[in-house]
Amino acid sequence: MGSDDDWRAKYRARIRALEAEQAQAEAELSVAAAGPDSDVVDGRGSRPLRDVSFLLAIIMLSGIVLLAGMTLVRSAGRDFDDARRAGWATVDRCRGHGPVTGKGFGYWETCDVTIRWDDGTTGSLTKDGVFTSADIGSNVRVGDLGRYRTSTELAKQDAPYRPWLKWIGVFVALAGLLPGLFALLIVRGFIRDLFRIRRR
């Protein structure tokens, strides 16, 4: 019986030694196949793919926060009391936009209007986000807030004006720029590393 036990113990020891040698050989092969500069050695995956995914996530976050800020600014309205002159606008037609545009999230409309000012003058213009399809055919009291770039800024008399919402929107939009600046720094680092590798 003793010889059988000795034989089994030697057999088990030999199998353990063979398994250890096989594991050692497989580890050496995976290191040799991965190469010295590869991230596969430490099991973290492909670094360029991970970096690009991280960069895209930052850019998307920046865009979403920036558009949210623009949405809040647009929703704040304008103060009718700041108008230089007042008049009655008749909305002729409207075209809808949304749900995601350069002016933020949500639906808004661009409307063609004809305005009869209280001083007797009339004018036609196209305005974004002031009027809706519900205003078509009705007279809407509006105020002229002056010109911004190439268009006349209008405020509806019955539209709510929330300046606090505008300031929150500006703060959120500025916060949305921070991840964008961080993404630019990452791109700058990528380009610098690329030129450094090519110089070698």
Protein backbone atom coordinates (compact mmCIF):
# COMPACT_ATOMS: atom_id res chain seq x y z
CA MET A 1 0.00 0.00 0.00
CA GLY A 2 2.85 2.35 0.77
CA SER A 3 4.25 2.07 -2.76
CA ASP A 4 0.84 2.97 -4.26
CA ASP A 5 0.60 6.06 -2.05
CA ASP A 6 4.13 7.10 -3.02
CA TRP A 7 3.33 6.59 -6.70
CA ARG A 8 0.14 8.71 -6.45
CA ALA A 9 1.95 11.50 -4.61
CA LYS A 10 4.71 11.55 -7.24
CA TYR A 11 2.08 11.52 -10.02
CA ARG A 12 0.20 14.48 -8.47
CA ALA A 13 3.43 16.42 -7.99
CA ARG A 14 4.39 15.79 -11.61
CA ILE A 15 0.96 17.00 -12.88
CA ARG A 16 1.23 20.16 -10.74
CA ALA A 17 4.70 20.81 -12.14
CA LEU A 18 3.47 20.35 -15.74
CA GLU A 19 0.50 22.69 -15.14
CA ALA A 20 2.82 25.33 -13.68
CA GLU A 21 5.16 25.03 -16.70
CA GLN A 22 2.21 25.36 -19.08
CA ALA A 23 0.89 28.46 -17.28
CA GLN A 24 4.39 29.98 -17.37
CA ALA A 25 4.71 29.29 -21.12
CA GLU A 26 1.28 30.80 -21.86
CA ALA A 27 2.13 33.92 -19.87
CA GLU A 28 5.41 34.35 -21.77
CA LEU A 29 3.63 33.89 -25.11
CA SER A 30 0.97 36.50 -24.30
CA VAL A 31 3.65 39.01 -23.25
CA ALA A 32 5.66 38.35 -26.43
CA ALA A 33 2.57 38.64 -28.66
CA ALA A 34 1.43 41.87 -27.02
CA GLY A 35 4.76 43.64 -27.44
CA PRO A 36 6.56 45.91 -24.97
CA ASP A 37 4.46 49.06 -25.63
CA SER A 38 1.03 47.44 -25.60
CA ASP A 39 -1.59 47.96 -22.91
CA VAL A 40 -2.75 44.35 -23.35
CA VAL A 41 -0.04 43.31 -20.89
CA ASP A 42 -1.78 44.95 -17.96
CA GLY A 43 -5.26 43.97 -19.17
CA ARG A 44 -6.61 47.50 -19.58
CA GLY A 45 -7.53 47.20 -23.27
CA SER A 46 -6.63 49.45 -26.16
CA ARG A 47 -5.51 52.89 -24.98
CA PRO A 48 -6.30 54.85 -28.19
CA LEU A 49 -9.86 53.50 -28.29
CA ARG A 50 -10.35 54.32 -24.62
CA ASP A 51 -8.94 57.84 -25.09
CA VAL A 52 -11.14 58.57 -28.12
CA SER A 53 -14.22 57.28 -26.29
CA PHE A 54 -13.40 59.49 -23.30
CA LEU A 55 -12.89 62.50 -25.58
CA LEU A 56 -16.21 61.94 -27.37
CA ALA A 57 -18.00 61.62 -24.02
CA ILE A 58 -16.54 64.95 -22.87
CA ILE A 59 -17.55 66.67 -26.12
CA MET A 60 -21.09 65.30 -25.85
CA LEU A 61 -21.33 66.41 -22.22
CA SER A 62 -20.15 69.89 -23.17
CA GLY A 63 -22.68 70.12 -26.00
CA ILE A 64 -25.59 68.93 -23.86
CA VAL A 65 -24.84 71.36 -21.02
CA LEU A 66 -24.30 74.24 -23.46
CA LEU A 67 -27.61 73.54 -25.23
CA ALA A 68 -29.38 73.30 -21.86
CA GLY A 69 -28.07 76.76 -20.98
CA MET A 70 -29.22 78.17 -24.32
CA THR A 71 -32.65 76.64 -23.72
CA LEU A 72 -32.94 78.43 -20.37
CA VAL A 73 -31.87 81.75 -21.89
CA ARG A 74 -34.44 81.38 -24.68
CA SER A 75 -37.17 80.47 -22.17
CA ALA A 76 -36.50 83.58 -20.06
CA GLY A 77 -38.41 85.82 -22.47
CA ARG A 78 -37.89 89.56 -22.99
CA ASP A 79 -39.07 92.56 -21.01
CA PHE A 80 -41.87 94.45 -22.77
CA ASP A 81 -41.27 97.46 -20.49
CA ASP A 82 -37.87 98.03 -22.16
CA ALA A 83 -39.50 98.60 -25.57
CA ARG A 84 -38.65 101.77 -27.51
CA ARG A 85 -42.00 101.67 -29.28
CA ALA A 86 -45.05 99.43 -29.32
CA GLY A 87 -47.39 98.13 -31.97
CA TRP A 88 -49.70 95.36 -33.08
CA ALA A 89 -48.32 92.31 -34.88
CA THR A 90 -50.33 90.03 -37.14
CA VAL A 91 -48.79 86.58 -37.55
CA ASP A 92 -49.07 85.33 -41.12
CA ARG A 93 -47.45 81.88 -40.93
CA CYS A 94 -45.09 79.82 -38.76
CA ARG A 95 -42.60 77.01 -39.22
CA GLY A 96 -41.67 74.68 -36.37
CA HIS A 97 -38.18 73.66 -35.25
CA GLY A 98 -36.92 71.13 -32.72
CA PRO A 99 -36.46 69.08 -30.64
CA VAL A 100 -32.69 69.81 -30.76
CA THR A 101 -31.38 72.89 -32.59
CA GLY A 102 -28.66 75.49 -32.26
CA LYS A 103 -30.99 77.39 -29.92
CA GLY A 104 -31.19 74.54 -27.43
CA PHE A 105 -33.69 71.81 -26.63
CA GLY A 106 -37.45 71.89 -27.18
CA TYR A 107 -39.78 73.06 -29.90
CA TRP A 108 -40.02 76.65 -31.11
CA GLU A 109 -41.29 78.41 -34.21
CA THR A 110 -40.13 80.94 -36.77
CA CYS A 111 -43.02 83.19 -37.78
CA ASP A 112 -43.57 85.79 -40.51
CA VAL A 113 -45.32 88.83 -39.03
CA THR A 114 -46.62 92.21 -40.16
CA ILE A 115 -46.40 94.95 -37.53
CA ARG A 116 -48.39 98.21 -37.38
CA TRP A 117 -46.49 100.47 -34.98
CA ASP A 118 -48.32 103.04 -32.88
CA ASP A 119 -46.44 105.84 -34.70
CA GLY A 120 -48.19 104.86 -37.97
CA THR A 121 -45.35 102.94 -39.64
CA THR A 122 -45.62 99.30 -40.68
CA GLY A 123 -43.08 96.59 -41.26
CA SER A 124 -42.76 92.91 -42.04
CA LEU A 125 -40.21 90.60 -40.50
CA THR A 126 -39.46 87.01 -39.60
CA LYS A 127 -38.90 86.24 -35.91
CA ASP A 128 -37.62 83.15 -34.12
CA GLY A 129 -39.14 81.98 -30.86
CA VAL A 130 -41.40 84.97 -30.16
CA PHE A 131 -44.69 83.88 -31.74
CA THR A 132 -46.43 80.51 -32.11
CA SER A 133 -48.93 78.99 -34.51
CA ALA A 134 -51.65 79.86 -31.98
CA ASP A 135 -51.01 83.56 -32.78
CA ILE A 136 -51.80 83.19 -36.52
CA GLY A 137 -54.56 85.56 -37.58
CA SER A 138 -54.74 87.40 -34.26
CA ASN A 139 -53.35 90.79 -33.24
CA VAL A 140 -50.53 90.52 -30.71
CA ARG A 141 -49.22 93.52 -28.77
CA VAL A 142 -45.43 93.73 -29.19
CA GLY A 143 -42.62 96.07 -28.25
CA ASP A 144 -39.51 96.98 -30.25
CA LEU A 145 -36.38 96.37 -28.16
CA GLY A 146 -34.00 97.64 -30.83
CA ARG A 147 -31.72 95.84 -33.23
CA TYR A 148 -29.42 92.94 -32.48
CA ARG A 149 -27.04 92.10 -35.32
CA THR A 150 -29.32 92.22 -38.37
CA SER A 151 -32.78 91.76 -36.87
CA THR A 152 -35.25 93.67 -34.74
CA GLU A 153 -35.73 92.27 -31.24
CA LEU A 154 -39.35 91.99 -30.12
CA ALA A 155 -41.10 91.35 -26.82
CA LYS A 156 -44.71 90.18 -26.48
CA GLN A 157 -46.73 92.10 -23.95
CA ASP A 158 -48.44 89.03 -22.52
CA ALA A 159 -45.30 86.83 -22.43
CA PRO A 160 -43.68 86.32 -19.02
CA TYR A 161 -40.24 87.81 -18.45
CA ARG A 162 -37.99 85.88 -16.06
CA PRO A 163 -34.55 87.51 -15.81
CA TRP A 164 -33.40 85.03 -13.16
CA LEU A 165 -33.89 82.21 -15.68
CA LYS A 166 -31.69 84.06 -18.15
CA TRP A 167 -28.86 84.36 -15.60
CA ILE A 168 -29.14 80.69 -14.67
CA GLY A 169 -28.98 79.85 -18.39
CA VAL A 170 -25.86 81.98 -18.86
CA PHE A 171 -24.20 80.27 -15.89
CA VAL A 172 -25.12 76.79 -17.20
CA ALA A 173 -23.86 77.66 -20.71
CA LEU A 174 -20.54 78.88 -19.29
CA ALA A 175 -20.29 75.68 -17.24
CA GLY A 176 -20.85 73.76 -20.49
CA LEU A 177 -17.81 75.43 -22.01
CA LEU A 178 -15.50 73.99 -19.33
CA PRO A 179 -15.69 70.36 -20.55
CA GLY A 180 -15.19 71.69 -24.10
CA LEU A 181 -12.00 73.46 -23.04
CA PHE A 182 -10.87 70.26 -21.31
CA ALA A 183 -11.50 68.35 -24.56
CA LEU A 184 -9.37 70.89 -26.46
CA LEU A 185 -6.54 70.31 -24.01
CA ILE A 186 -6.83 66.55 -24.56
CA VAL A 187 -6.73 67.00 -28.36
CA ARG A 188 -3.70 69.25 -27.97
CA GLY A 189 -2.00 66.53 -25.92
CA PHE A 190 -2.83 63.90 -28.57
CA ILE A 191 -1.30 66.05 -31.31
CA ARG A 192 1.80 66.79 -29.25
CA ASP A 193 2.28 63.07 -28.49
CA LEU A 194 1.79 62.21 -32.17
CA PHE A 195 4.55 64.60 -33.25
CA ARG A 196 6.79 63.36 -30.45
CA ILE A 197 6.38 59.75 -31.67
CA ARG A 198 7.13 60.72 -35.28
CA ARG A 199 10.34 62.49 -34.29
CA ARG A 200 11.77 59.30 -32.78
